[in-house]
Amino acid sequence: MNEQTPGRFLAFEGIDGSGKSTQLQLLLNRLTERGIRCQGTREPSDGPIGAMIRQIMTGRMTADNRVIAGLFAADRLDHVLNRRDGILEQVQNGVTVVTDRYYFSSYAYHSVDVDMGWVIDSNRLSAELLRPDATIFLDLPVRRALDRISRNRAQTELFEKEDRLTATREKYLEAFARLKDTEKVVVIDADADADTVAERVWAAAAPLFF
């Protein structure tokens, strides 16, 4: 009996406005066209912890950043191990999974004032179970990100102010520096049109498959 060839696992990271959702879908399209079984997934998951996180982020529940970061870590672990459609099972069954945020989101995106060492420790189990083959970080100047946000949304959230986005970007870069020996991170210049960025993403992702 032949063993199943595992799929790949890729994560997209970036501050709001960097184009993660667009680039995730463009990469999925490109992989599908080449006959690669793949699926996209996002955080938080559809489970009970994910539902609680969404209530907090929409203001229906309140929690401090340490609680939010802990919830994200727990939700991520559930998202990895869920028996029905968990990321780990999909990858082991030969499906390439591309996700919008994975290891870094709980502090770099939502909780910029939470101690990074604590968050890395809280995410360690998820990272040990399933480490991304590559994390693609879409880097964009904060002013350009705010411009994109303001053009595409009627109202911006509190964490999308310039100082918060700047702190978020700095947290990402600090995280990548801390984890450089255990995580493969590719920084992509996202300050261009979507098609140009997609070519840069493809140049980084294609060697994983061909």
N, C-alpha and C. Protein backbone atom coordinates (compact mmCIF):
# COMPACT_ATOMS: atom_id res chain seq x y z
N MET A 1 0.85 -1.19 0.00
CA MET A 1 0.00 0.00 0.00
C MET A 1 0.89 1.25 0.00
N ASN A 2 0.63 2.19 -0.92
CA ASN A 2 1.44 3.40 -1.03
C ASN A 2 1.07 4.39 0.07
N GLU A 3 2.08 5.01 0.62
CA GLU A 3 1.81 6.04 1.63
C GLU A 3 1.34 7.32 0.95
N GLN A 4 0.43 8.01 1.64
CA GLN A 4 -0.08 9.28 1.13
C GLN A 4 1.03 10.33 1.19
N THR A 5 1.23 11.03 0.09
CA THR A 5 2.20 12.13 0.09
C THR A 5 1.57 13.33 0.78
N PRO A 6 2.20 13.85 1.83
CA PRO A 6 1.59 14.99 2.54
C PRO A 6 1.45 16.21 1.64
N GLY A 7 0.46 17.02 1.97
CA GLY A 7 0.32 18.29 1.28
C GLY A 7 1.26 19.31 1.87
N ARG A 8 1.15 20.52 1.41
CA ARG A 8 1.95 21.62 1.94
C ARG A 8 1.07 22.49 2.83
N PHE A 9 1.72 23.27 3.67
CA PHE A 9 1.00 24.19 4.55
C PHE A 9 1.66 25.56 4.48
N LEU A 10 0.92 26.54 4.03
CA LEU A 10 1.43 27.89 3.89
C LEU A 10 0.56 28.86 4.67
N ALA A 11 1.18 29.86 5.27
CA ALA A 11 0.44 30.88 6.02
C ALA A 11 0.73 32.25 5.44
N PHE A 12 -0.31 33.06 5.31
CA PHE A 12 -0.16 34.46 4.92
C PHE A 12 -0.28 35.33 6.16
N GLU A 13 0.63 36.27 6.29
CA GLU A 13 0.59 37.24 7.38
C GLU A 13 0.73 38.64 6.78
N GLY A 14 0.34 39.64 7.57
CA GLY A 14 0.47 41.03 7.14
C GLY A 14 -0.51 41.90 7.88
N ILE A 15 -0.21 43.18 7.95
CA ILE A 15 -1.13 44.10 8.61
C ILE A 15 -2.38 44.27 7.76
N ASP A 16 -3.43 44.75 8.37
CA ASP A 16 -4.67 44.97 7.63
C ASP A 16 -4.39 45.91 6.46
N GLY A 17 -4.95 45.57 5.31
CA GLY A 17 -4.72 46.37 4.11
C GLY A 17 -3.58 45.87 3.25
N SER A 18 -2.88 44.83 3.71
CA SER A 18 -1.74 44.33 2.95
C SER A 18 -2.14 43.42 1.79
N GLY A 19 -3.41 43.01 1.75
CA GLY A 19 -3.88 42.20 0.62
C GLY A 19 -3.84 40.71 0.83
N LYS A 20 -3.86 40.26 2.10
CA LYS A 20 -3.74 38.83 2.38
C LYS A 20 -4.85 38.02 1.71
N SER A 21 -6.09 38.45 1.88
CA SER A 21 -7.21 37.65 1.35
C SER A 21 -7.13 37.51 -0.16
N THR A 22 -6.79 38.61 -0.84
CA THR A 22 -6.67 38.58 -2.31
C THR A 22 -5.56 37.64 -2.74
N GLN A 23 -4.39 37.76 -2.11
CA GLN A 23 -3.25 36.94 -2.52
C GLN A 23 -3.45 35.47 -2.16
N LEU A 24 -4.12 35.21 -1.04
CA LEU A 24 -4.42 33.83 -0.68
C LEU A 24 -5.27 33.18 -1.78
N GLN A 25 -6.30 33.88 -2.22
CA GLN A 25 -7.18 33.32 -3.24
C GLN A 25 -6.48 33.17 -4.58
N LEU A 26 -5.64 34.15 -4.94
CA LEU A 26 -4.91 34.05 -6.21
C LEU A 26 -3.96 32.86 -6.20
N LEU A 27 -3.32 32.61 -5.06
CA LEU A 27 -2.42 31.46 -4.97
C LEU A 27 -3.20 30.16 -5.04
N LEU A 28 -4.34 30.09 -4.34
CA LEU A 28 -5.17 28.88 -4.43
C LEU A 28 -5.59 28.62 -5.87
N ASN A 29 -5.99 29.67 -6.58
CA ASN A 29 -6.40 29.51 -7.98
C ASN A 29 -5.27 28.95 -8.82
N ARG A 30 -4.08 29.48 -8.60
CA ARG A 30 -2.92 29.07 -9.39
C ARG A 30 -2.57 27.60 -9.11
N LEU A 31 -2.63 27.22 -7.84
CA LEU A 31 -2.33 25.83 -7.49
C LEU A 31 -3.38 24.88 -8.06
N THR A 32 -4.65 25.28 -7.97
CA THR A 32 -5.74 24.43 -8.50
C THR A 32 -5.59 24.23 -10.00
N GLU A 33 -5.24 25.28 -10.71
CA GLU A 33 -5.04 25.19 -12.16
C GLU A 33 -3.94 24.19 -12.52
N ARG A 34 -3.02 23.96 -11.61
CA ARG A 34 -1.92 23.03 -11.85
C ARG A 34 -2.19 21.65 -11.25
N GLY A 35 -3.43 21.41 -10.88
CA GLY A 35 -3.84 20.09 -10.43
C GLY A 35 -3.49 19.75 -9.00
N ILE A 36 -3.18 20.76 -8.19
CA ILE A 36 -2.82 20.52 -6.79
C ILE A 36 -4.07 20.64 -5.93
N ARG A 37 -4.35 19.62 -5.14
CA ARG A 37 -5.49 19.66 -4.22
C ARG A 37 -5.18 20.67 -3.12
N CYS A 38 -6.07 21.62 -2.94
CA CYS A 38 -5.79 22.65 -1.94
C CYS A 38 -7.08 23.26 -1.42
N GLN A 39 -6.95 23.91 -0.29
CA GLN A 39 -8.08 24.62 0.30
C GLN A 39 -7.56 25.80 1.11
N GLY A 40 -8.40 26.81 1.25
CA GLY A 40 -8.06 27.96 2.05
C GLY A 40 -8.79 27.92 3.37
N THR A 41 -8.18 28.46 4.40
CA THR A 41 -8.83 28.52 5.71
C THR A 41 -8.40 29.80 6.41
N ARG A 42 -9.20 30.23 7.36
CA ARG A 42 -8.93 31.49 8.05
C ARG A 42 -9.17 31.33 9.54
N GLU A 43 -8.60 32.26 10.28
CA GLU A 43 -8.84 32.30 11.72
C GLU A 43 -9.68 33.53 12.04
N PRO A 44 -10.50 33.47 13.09
CA PRO A 44 -10.71 32.31 13.95
C PRO A 44 -11.52 31.24 13.24
N SER A 45 -11.49 30.03 13.81
CA SER A 45 -12.21 28.90 13.23
C SER A 45 -13.71 29.03 13.49
N ASP A 46 -14.47 28.05 13.02
CA ASP A 46 -15.92 28.06 13.22
C ASP A 46 -16.34 27.40 14.53
N GLY A 47 -15.38 27.00 15.34
CA GLY A 47 -15.70 26.33 16.60
C GLY A 47 -16.16 27.29 17.67
N PRO A 48 -16.47 26.77 18.87
CA PRO A 48 -16.99 27.61 19.95
C PRO A 48 -16.02 28.70 20.41
N ILE A 49 -14.71 28.39 20.42
CA ILE A 49 -13.75 29.42 20.82
C ILE A 49 -13.68 30.51 19.77
N GLY A 50 -13.73 30.11 18.50
CA GLY A 50 -13.75 31.09 17.43
C GLY A 50 -14.96 32.01 17.51
N ALA A 51 -16.10 31.43 17.87
CA ALA A 51 -17.31 32.24 18.02
C ALA A 51 -17.14 33.26 19.14
N MET A 52 -16.48 32.85 20.22
CA MET A 52 -16.24 33.77 21.34
C MET A 52 -15.29 34.90 20.92
N ILE A 53 -14.26 34.56 20.15
CA ILE A 53 -13.33 35.58 19.67
C ILE A 53 -14.06 36.60 18.81
N ARG A 54 -14.95 36.13 17.94
CA ARG A 54 -15.69 37.05 17.08
C ARG A 54 -16.59 37.97 17.90
N GLN A 55 -17.15 37.46 18.98
CA GLN A 55 -17.97 38.31 19.85
C GLN A 55 -17.13 39.40 20.50
N ILE A 56 -15.90 39.04 20.89
CA ILE A 56 -15.01 40.03 21.49
C ILE A 56 -14.61 41.08 20.46
N MET A 57 -14.26 40.64 19.26
CA MET A 57 -13.77 41.57 18.25
C MET A 57 -14.88 42.48 17.72
N THR A 58 -16.14 42.07 17.87
CA THR A 58 -17.24 42.93 17.45
C THR A 58 -17.82 43.73 18.61
N GLY A 59 -17.23 43.59 19.81
CA GLY A 59 -17.64 44.41 20.93
C GLY A 59 -18.79 43.86 21.74
N ARG A 60 -19.28 42.67 21.41
CA ARG A 60 -20.39 42.10 22.18
C ARG A 60 -19.92 41.47 23.48
N MET A 61 -18.62 41.17 23.58
CA MET A 61 -18.00 40.70 24.81
C MET A 61 -16.73 41.51 25.02
N THR A 62 -16.28 41.62 26.25
CA THR A 62 -15.05 42.35 26.53
C THR A 62 -14.02 41.42 27.15
N ALA A 63 -12.76 41.68 26.83
CA ALA A 63 -11.66 40.89 27.39
C ALA A 63 -10.38 41.68 27.17
N ASP A 64 -9.40 41.48 28.07
CA ASP A 64 -8.13 42.17 27.86
C ASP A 64 -7.30 41.39 26.84
N ASN A 65 -6.19 41.99 26.42
CA ASN A 65 -5.41 41.42 25.33
C ASN A 65 -4.79 40.08 25.68
N ARG A 66 -4.44 39.88 26.94
CA ARG A 66 -3.86 38.59 27.32
C ARG A 66 -4.90 37.48 27.18
N VAL A 67 -6.15 37.77 27.55
CA VAL A 67 -7.22 36.78 27.37
C VAL A 67 -7.45 36.52 25.89
N ILE A 68 -7.48 37.58 25.09
CA ILE A 68 -7.70 37.41 23.65
C ILE A 68 -6.59 36.56 23.04
N ALA A 69 -5.33 36.85 23.42
CA ALA A 69 -4.20 36.08 22.88
C ALA A 69 -4.32 34.61 23.28
N GLY A 70 -4.72 34.36 24.52
CA GLY A 70 -4.90 32.97 24.95
C GLY A 70 -6.00 32.26 24.20
N LEU A 71 -7.09 32.97 23.93
CA LEU A 71 -8.19 32.39 23.16
C LEU A 71 -7.74 32.05 21.74
N PHE A 72 -6.97 32.94 21.13
CA PHE A 72 -6.48 32.66 19.79
C PHE A 72 -5.59 31.42 19.78
N ALA A 73 -4.73 31.27 20.79
CA ALA A 73 -3.86 30.10 20.86
C ALA A 73 -4.69 28.82 21.00
N ALA A 74 -5.73 28.85 21.83
CA ALA A 74 -6.59 27.68 22.01
C ALA A 74 -7.38 27.37 20.74
N ASP A 75 -7.88 28.43 20.08
CA ASP A 75 -8.65 28.24 18.86
C ASP A 75 -7.77 27.67 17.76
N ARG A 76 -6.54 28.13 17.69
CA ARG A 76 -5.61 27.64 16.67
C ARG A 76 -5.34 26.15 16.86
N LEU A 77 -5.16 25.74 18.11
CA LEU A 77 -4.92 24.32 18.38
C LEU A 77 -6.11 23.48 17.95
N ASP A 78 -7.32 23.97 18.23
CA ASP A 78 -8.52 23.27 17.80
C ASP A 78 -8.59 23.22 16.27
N HIS A 79 -8.20 24.32 15.63
CA HIS A 79 -8.24 24.40 14.18
C HIS A 79 -7.26 23.40 13.55
N VAL A 80 -6.14 23.15 14.23
CA VAL A 80 -5.16 22.20 13.74
C VAL A 80 -5.63 20.76 13.91
N LEU A 81 -6.26 20.47 15.05
CA LEU A 81 -6.55 19.09 15.43
C LEU A 81 -7.99 18.64 15.17
N ASN A 82 -8.88 19.54 14.80
CA ASN A 82 -10.28 19.19 14.60
C ASN A 82 -10.41 17.93 13.73
N ARG A 83 -11.11 16.94 14.26
CA ARG A 83 -11.16 15.64 13.56
C ARG A 83 -11.89 15.72 12.23
N ARG A 84 -12.84 16.61 12.11
CA ARG A 84 -13.65 16.65 10.89
C ARG A 84 -12.89 17.27 9.72
N ASP A 85 -12.26 18.42 9.96
CA ASP A 85 -11.58 19.10 8.85
C ASP A 85 -10.36 19.87 9.32
N GLY A 86 -9.70 19.35 10.35
CA GLY A 86 -8.55 20.04 10.89
C GLY A 86 -7.41 20.17 9.89
N ILE A 87 -6.61 21.22 10.07
CA ILE A 87 -5.52 21.49 9.13
C ILE A 87 -4.55 20.32 9.08
N LEU A 88 -4.19 19.78 10.24
CA LEU A 88 -3.21 18.69 10.28
C LEU A 88 -3.68 17.49 9.47
N GLU A 89 -4.92 17.09 9.66
CA GLU A 89 -5.44 15.93 8.93
C GLU A 89 -5.47 16.18 7.43
N GLN A 90 -5.86 17.39 7.04
CA GLN A 90 -5.90 17.71 5.61
C GLN A 90 -4.52 17.60 4.99
N VAL A 91 -3.52 18.18 5.66
CA VAL A 91 -2.16 18.15 5.12
C VAL A 91 -1.65 16.72 5.05
N GLN A 92 -1.91 15.92 6.09
CA GLN A 92 -1.47 14.52 6.09
C GLN A 92 -2.14 13.71 4.98
N ASN A 93 -3.33 14.14 4.56
CA ASN A 93 -4.06 13.46 3.50
C ASN A 93 -3.76 14.03 2.11
N GLY A 94 -2.71 14.83 2.01
CA GLY A 94 -2.26 15.28 0.71
C GLY A 94 -2.86 16.58 0.22
N VAL A 95 -3.61 17.27 1.06
CA VAL A 95 -4.21 18.55 0.68
C VAL A 95 -3.26 19.68 1.09
N THR A 96 -3.03 20.61 0.19
CA THR A 96 -2.27 21.81 0.54
C THR A 96 -3.23 22.81 1.16
N VAL A 97 -2.91 23.25 2.36
CA VAL A 97 -3.75 24.22 3.07
C VAL A 97 -3.04 25.56 3.11
N VAL A 98 -3.76 26.59 2.71
CA VAL A 98 -3.23 27.96 2.75
C VAL A 98 -4.12 28.74 3.71
N THR A 99 -3.52 29.33 4.74
CA THR A 99 -4.31 30.00 5.75
C THR A 99 -3.96 31.47 5.88
N ASP A 100 -4.96 32.26 6.19
CA ASP A 100 -4.78 33.68 6.48
C ASP A 100 -4.53 33.80 7.98
N ARG A 101 -3.26 33.96 8.36
CA ARG A 101 -2.79 34.02 9.75
C ARG A 101 -2.72 32.62 10.35
N TYR A 102 -1.68 32.44 11.14
CA TYR A 102 -1.54 31.15 11.82
C TYR A 102 -0.84 31.36 13.16
N TYR A 103 0.44 31.29 13.16
CA TYR A 103 1.16 31.29 14.43
C TYR A 103 1.25 32.66 15.07
N PHE A 104 1.26 33.71 14.30
CA PHE A 104 1.59 35.03 14.82
C PHE A 104 0.38 35.89 15.20
N SER A 105 -0.81 35.53 14.78
CA SER A 105 -1.91 36.49 14.80
C SER A 105 -2.32 36.96 16.18
N SER A 106 -2.23 36.11 17.20
CA SER A 106 -2.82 36.48 18.48
C SER A 106 -2.15 37.66 19.13
N TYR A 107 -0.87 37.90 18.84
CA TYR A 107 -0.26 39.11 19.40
C TYR A 107 0.06 40.13 18.32
N ALA A 108 0.54 39.69 17.17
CA ALA A 108 0.99 40.65 16.17
C ALA A 108 -0.18 41.40 15.54
N TYR A 109 -1.34 40.75 15.48
CA TYR A 109 -2.47 41.39 14.80
C TYR A 109 -3.45 42.03 15.76
N HIS A 110 -3.79 41.32 16.82
CA HIS A 110 -4.84 41.81 17.71
C HIS A 110 -4.35 42.32 19.06
N SER A 111 -3.19 41.90 19.49
CA SER A 111 -2.80 42.18 20.87
C SER A 111 -1.36 42.66 20.93
N VAL A 112 -1.12 43.82 20.37
CA VAL A 112 0.27 44.26 20.20
C VAL A 112 0.96 44.54 21.53
N ASP A 113 0.24 44.68 22.62
CA ASP A 113 0.87 44.97 23.90
C ASP A 113 1.02 43.74 24.79
N VAL A 114 0.80 42.54 24.25
CA VAL A 114 1.01 41.31 25.01
C VAL A 114 2.46 40.88 24.85
N ASP A 115 3.06 40.40 25.95
CA ASP A 115 4.45 39.98 25.92
C ASP A 115 4.65 38.87 24.89
N MET A 116 5.58 39.07 23.98
CA MET A 116 5.77 38.13 22.89
C MET A 116 6.27 36.77 23.37
N GLY A 117 7.16 36.76 24.36
CA GLY A 117 7.67 35.49 24.86
C GLY A 117 6.55 34.60 25.37
N TRP A 118 5.61 35.20 26.10
CA TRP A 118 4.47 34.43 26.61
C TRP A 118 3.62 33.89 25.47
N VAL A 119 3.40 34.70 24.43
CA VAL A 119 2.57 34.26 23.32
C VAL A 119 3.24 33.15 22.53
N ILE A 120 4.55 33.27 22.31
CA ILE A 120 5.27 32.21 21.61
C ILE A 120 5.14 30.90 22.39
N ASP A 121 5.28 30.96 23.70
CA ASP A 121 5.12 29.75 24.52
C ASP A 121 3.71 29.19 24.43
N SER A 122 2.71 30.07 24.41
CA SER A 122 1.33 29.61 24.37
C SER A 122 0.98 28.97 23.03
N ASN A 123 1.73 29.30 22.00
CA ASN A 123 1.51 28.73 20.67
C ASN A 123 2.44 27.56 20.35
N ARG A 124 3.30 27.21 21.29
CA ARG A 124 4.33 26.24 20.98
C ARG A 124 3.78 24.89 20.54
N LEU A 125 2.69 24.43 21.16
CA LEU A 125 2.14 23.13 20.82
C LEU A 125 1.65 23.11 19.38
N SER A 126 0.96 24.16 18.97
CA SER A 126 0.50 24.22 17.58
C SER A 126 1.68 24.19 16.62
N ALA A 127 2.73 24.94 16.94
CA ALA A 127 3.89 24.99 16.07
C ALA A 127 4.59 23.63 16.00
N GLU A 128 4.61 22.90 17.11
CA GLU A 128 5.25 21.59 17.11
C GLU A 128 4.42 20.58 16.33
N LEU A 129 3.09 20.71 16.39
CA LEU A 129 2.22 19.79 15.66
C LEU A 129 2.27 20.03 14.16
N LEU A 130 2.27 21.28 13.76
CA LEU A 130 2.23 21.60 12.34
C LEU A 130 2.88 22.95 12.10
N ARG A 131 4.09 22.90 11.62
CA ARG A 131 4.81 24.14 11.33
C ARG A 131 4.62 24.46 9.84
N PRO A 132 4.35 25.71 9.49
CA PRO A 132 4.18 26.03 8.07
C PRO A 132 5.43 25.72 7.26
N ASP A 133 5.22 25.21 6.05
CA ASP A 133 6.35 25.06 5.13
C ASP A 133 6.94 26.43 4.80
N ALA A 134 6.08 27.43 4.80
CA ALA A 134 6.55 28.80 4.63
C ALA A 134 5.47 29.75 5.12
N THR A 135 5.90 30.84 5.74
CA THR A 135 5.02 31.94 6.08
C THR A 135 5.34 33.08 5.13
N ILE A 136 4.34 33.55 4.42
CA ILE A 136 4.52 34.65 3.46
C ILE A 136 4.02 35.93 4.11
N PHE A 137 4.93 36.85 4.36
CA PHE A 137 4.57 38.11 5.00
C PHE A 137 4.50 39.20 3.94
N LEU A 138 3.30 39.74 3.75
CA LEU A 138 3.10 40.82 2.78
C LEU A 138 3.41 42.15 3.46
N ASP A 139 4.53 42.73 3.12
CA ASP A 139 4.98 43.95 3.78
C ASP A 139 4.52 45.17 2.99
N LEU A 140 3.95 46.11 3.72
CA LEU A 140 3.39 47.31 3.10
C LEU A 140 3.59 48.49 4.02
N PRO A 141 4.03 49.65 3.49
CA PRO A 141 4.13 50.83 4.34
C PRO A 141 2.78 51.13 5.00
N VAL A 142 2.82 51.53 6.26
CA VAL A 142 1.59 51.73 7.02
C VAL A 142 0.68 52.75 6.36
N ARG A 143 1.24 53.83 5.83
CA ARG A 143 0.41 54.85 5.17
C ARG A 143 -0.35 54.29 3.98
N ARG A 144 0.30 53.40 3.22
CA ARG A 144 -0.36 52.78 2.08
C ARG A 144 -1.45 51.83 2.56
N ALA A 145 -1.19 51.12 3.65
CA ALA A 145 -2.21 50.22 4.19
C ALA A 145 -3.44 51.00 4.63
N LEU A 146 -3.23 52.12 5.31
CA LEU A 146 -4.36 52.94 5.75
C LEU A 146 -5.13 53.50 4.56
N ASP A 147 -4.42 53.85 3.50
CA ASP A 147 -5.09 54.35 2.30
C ASP A 147 -5.98 53.28 1.70
N ARG A 148 -5.48 52.05 1.64
CA ARG A 148 -6.29 50.96 1.10
C ARG A 148 -7.51 50.70 1.98
N ILE A 149 -7.30 50.71 3.30
CA ILE A 149 -8.41 50.48 4.22
C ILE A 149 -9.49 51.54 4.05
N SER A 150 -9.08 52.80 3.98
CA SER A 150 -10.05 53.90 3.90
C SER A 150 -10.82 53.87 2.59
N ARG A 151 -10.21 53.35 1.53
CA ARG A 151 -10.90 53.28 0.24
C ARG A 151 -11.87 52.12 0.16
N ASN A 152 -11.66 51.11 0.99
CA ASN A 152 -12.47 49.90 0.88
C ASN A 152 -13.46 49.70 2.02
N ARG A 153 -13.41 50.55 3.03
CA ARG A 153 -14.33 50.40 4.17
C ARG A 153 -14.92 51.74 4.54
N ALA A 154 -16.16 51.70 4.98
CA ALA A 154 -16.84 52.92 5.39
C ALA A 154 -16.32 53.43 6.72
N GLN A 155 -15.86 52.52 7.56
CA GLN A 155 -15.39 52.91 8.88
C GLN A 155 -14.22 52.02 9.28
N THR A 156 -13.18 52.60 9.85
CA THR A 156 -12.03 51.80 10.27
C THR A 156 -12.10 51.55 11.77
N GLU A 157 -11.62 50.37 12.17
CA GLU A 157 -11.64 49.99 13.57
C GLU A 157 -10.51 50.68 14.32
N LEU A 158 -10.58 50.62 15.63
CA LEU A 158 -9.59 51.30 16.48
C LEU A 158 -8.17 50.84 16.19
N PHE A 159 -7.99 49.50 16.00
CA PHE A 159 -6.63 49.00 15.84
C PHE A 159 -6.06 49.32 14.46
N GLU A 160 -6.84 49.98 13.60
CA GLU A 160 -6.35 50.32 12.28
C GLU A 160 -5.86 51.76 12.21
N LYS A 161 -5.60 52.38 13.34
CA LYS A 161 -4.95 53.68 13.35
C LYS A 161 -3.46 53.49 13.06
N GLU A 162 -2.83 54.57 12.65
CA GLU A 162 -1.45 54.46 12.19
C GLU A 162 -0.51 53.92 13.27
N ASP A 163 -0.65 54.38 14.50
CA ASP A 163 0.27 53.92 15.53
C ASP A 163 0.08 52.44 15.82
N ARG A 164 -1.18 51.96 15.78
CA ARG A 164 -1.42 50.54 16.02
C ARG A 164 -0.88 49.69 14.87
N LEU A 165 -1.11 50.15 13.65
CA LEU A 165 -0.59 49.38 12.52
C LEU A 165 0.94 49.35 12.52
N THR A 166 1.55 50.47 12.90
CA THR A 166 3.01 50.52 12.98
C THR A 166 3.52 49.54 14.02
N ALA A 167 2.88 49.54 15.20
CA ALA A 167 3.29 48.61 16.26
C ALA A 167 3.07 47.17 15.83
N THR A 168 1.98 46.92 15.10
CA THR A 168 1.69 45.57 14.62
C THR A 168 2.78 45.09 13.68
N ARG A 169 3.14 45.94 12.72
CA ARG A 169 4.20 45.58 11.76
C ARG A 169 5.51 45.29 12.49
N GLU A 170 5.84 46.12 13.46
CA GLU A 170 7.08 45.92 14.22
C GLU A 170 7.06 44.60 14.99
N LYS A 171 5.88 44.23 15.53
CA LYS A 171 5.76 42.96 16.24
C LYS A 171 5.99 41.78 15.30
N TYR A 172 5.42 41.86 14.10
CA TYR A 172 5.65 40.80 13.13
C TYR A 172 7.15 40.63 12.88
N LEU A 173 7.82 41.73 12.56
CA LEU A 173 9.24 41.65 12.22
C LEU A 173 10.07 41.15 13.39
N GLU A 174 9.68 41.55 14.61
CA GLU A 174 10.38 41.05 15.79
C GLU A 174 10.16 39.56 15.94
N ALA A 175 8.93 39.11 15.69
CA ALA A 175 8.63 37.68 15.79
C ALA A 175 9.46 36.88 14.80
N PHE A 176 9.55 37.36 13.57
CA PHE A 176 10.30 36.65 12.55
C PHE A 176 11.78 36.56 12.94
N ALA A 177 12.30 37.63 13.52
CA ALA A 177 13.70 37.62 13.95
C ALA A 177 13.92 36.60 15.07
N ARG A 178 12.96 36.51 15.99
CA ARG A 178 13.10 35.56 17.10
C ARG A 178 13.02 34.12 16.64
N LEU A 179 12.20 33.86 15.62
CA LEU A 179 11.93 32.49 15.21
C LEU A 179 12.66 32.09 13.94
N LYS A 180 13.68 32.84 13.57
CA LYS A 180 14.32 32.62 12.26
C LYS A 180 14.95 31.24 12.13
N ASP A 181 15.30 30.60 13.23
CA ASP A 181 15.92 29.28 13.15
C ASP A 181 14.91 28.15 13.04
N THR A 182 13.63 28.44 13.30
CA THR A 182 12.62 27.39 13.29
C THR A 182 11.48 27.66 12.32
N GLU A 183 11.37 28.85 11.78
CA GLU A 183 10.28 29.19 10.86
C GLU A 183 10.86 29.77 9.57
N LYS A 184 10.34 29.31 8.44
CA LYS A 184 10.73 29.89 7.16
C LYS A 184 9.77 31.02 6.83
N VAL A 185 10.26 32.23 6.82
CA VAL A 185 9.44 33.40 6.53
C VAL A 185 9.98 34.08 5.28
N VAL A 186 9.09 34.36 4.34
CA VAL A 186 9.46 35.08 3.12
C VAL A 186 8.75 36.42 3.15
N VAL A 187 9.51 37.50 3.15
CA VAL A 187 8.93 38.84 3.15
C VAL A 187 8.75 39.30 1.71
N ILE A 188 7.51 39.63 1.36
CA ILE A 188 7.15 40.04 0.01
C ILE A 188 6.82 41.53 0.02
N ASP A 189 7.38 42.28 -0.90
CA ASP A 189 7.02 43.68 -1.06
C ASP A 189 5.64 43.75 -1.67
N ALA A 190 4.64 44.17 -0.87
CA ALA A 190 3.25 44.20 -1.33
C ALA A 190 2.82 45.58 -1.81
N ASP A 191 3.76 46.50 -1.96
CA ASP A 191 3.44 47.86 -2.40
C ASP A 191 3.44 47.91 -3.92
N ALA A 192 2.47 47.22 -4.51
CA ALA A 192 2.33 47.14 -5.97
C ALA A 192 0.92 46.66 -6.27
N ASP A 193 0.58 46.59 -7.57
CA ASP A 193 -0.75 46.09 -7.92
C ASP A 193 -0.83 44.60 -7.62
N ALA A 194 -2.06 44.11 -7.53
CA ALA A 194 -2.30 42.73 -7.07
C ALA A 194 -1.61 41.70 -7.96
N ASP A 195 -1.60 41.92 -9.28
CA ASP A 195 -0.98 40.95 -10.18
C ASP A 195 0.53 40.88 -9.98
N THR A 196 1.15 42.03 -9.76
CA THR A 196 2.59 42.05 -9.53
C THR A 196 2.94 41.34 -8.23
N VAL A 197 2.16 41.62 -7.18
CA VAL A 197 2.40 40.95 -5.89
C VAL A 197 2.19 39.45 -6.03
N ALA A 198 1.18 39.06 -6.81
CA ALA A 198 0.90 37.64 -7.01
C ALA A 198 2.10 36.93 -7.65
N GLU A 199 2.77 37.60 -8.58
CA GLU A 199 3.95 37.01 -9.20
C GLU A 199 5.08 36.84 -8.17
N ARG A 200 5.21 37.80 -7.28
CA ARG A 200 6.23 37.70 -6.24
C ARG A 200 5.90 36.56 -5.28
N VAL A 201 4.63 36.42 -4.94
CA VAL A 201 4.20 35.33 -4.07
C VAL A 201 4.47 33.98 -4.75
N TRP A 202 4.14 33.90 -6.03
CA TRP A 202 4.33 32.65 -6.76
C TRP A 202 5.81 32.27 -6.83
N ALA A 203 6.66 33.25 -7.02
CA ALA A 203 8.10 32.97 -7.07
C ALA A 203 8.58 32.37 -5.74
N ALA A 204 7.94 32.79 -4.64
CA ALA A 204 8.32 32.26 -3.31
C ALA A 204 7.70 30.91 -3.04
N ALA A 205 6.47 30.68 -3.55
CA ALA A 205 5.74 29.44 -3.23
C ALA A 205 6.03 28.30 -4.18
N ALA A 206 6.26 28.59 -5.44
CA ALA A 206 6.41 27.54 -6.45
C ALA A 206 7.48 26.50 -6.13
N PRO A 207 8.65 26.89 -5.57
CA PRO A 207 9.67 25.88 -5.28
C PRO A 207 9.21 24.82 -4.28
N LEU A 208 8.16 25.07 -3.53
CA LEU A 208 7.63 24.06 -2.61
C LEU A 208 6.92 22.94 -3.35
N PHE A 209 6.54 23.20 -4.61
CA PHE A 209 5.71 22.25 -5.35
C PHE A 209 6.39 21.68 -6.59
N PHE A 210 7.28 22.46 -7.19
CA PHE A 210 7.84 22.05 -8.50
C PHE A 210 9.36 22.10 -8.48
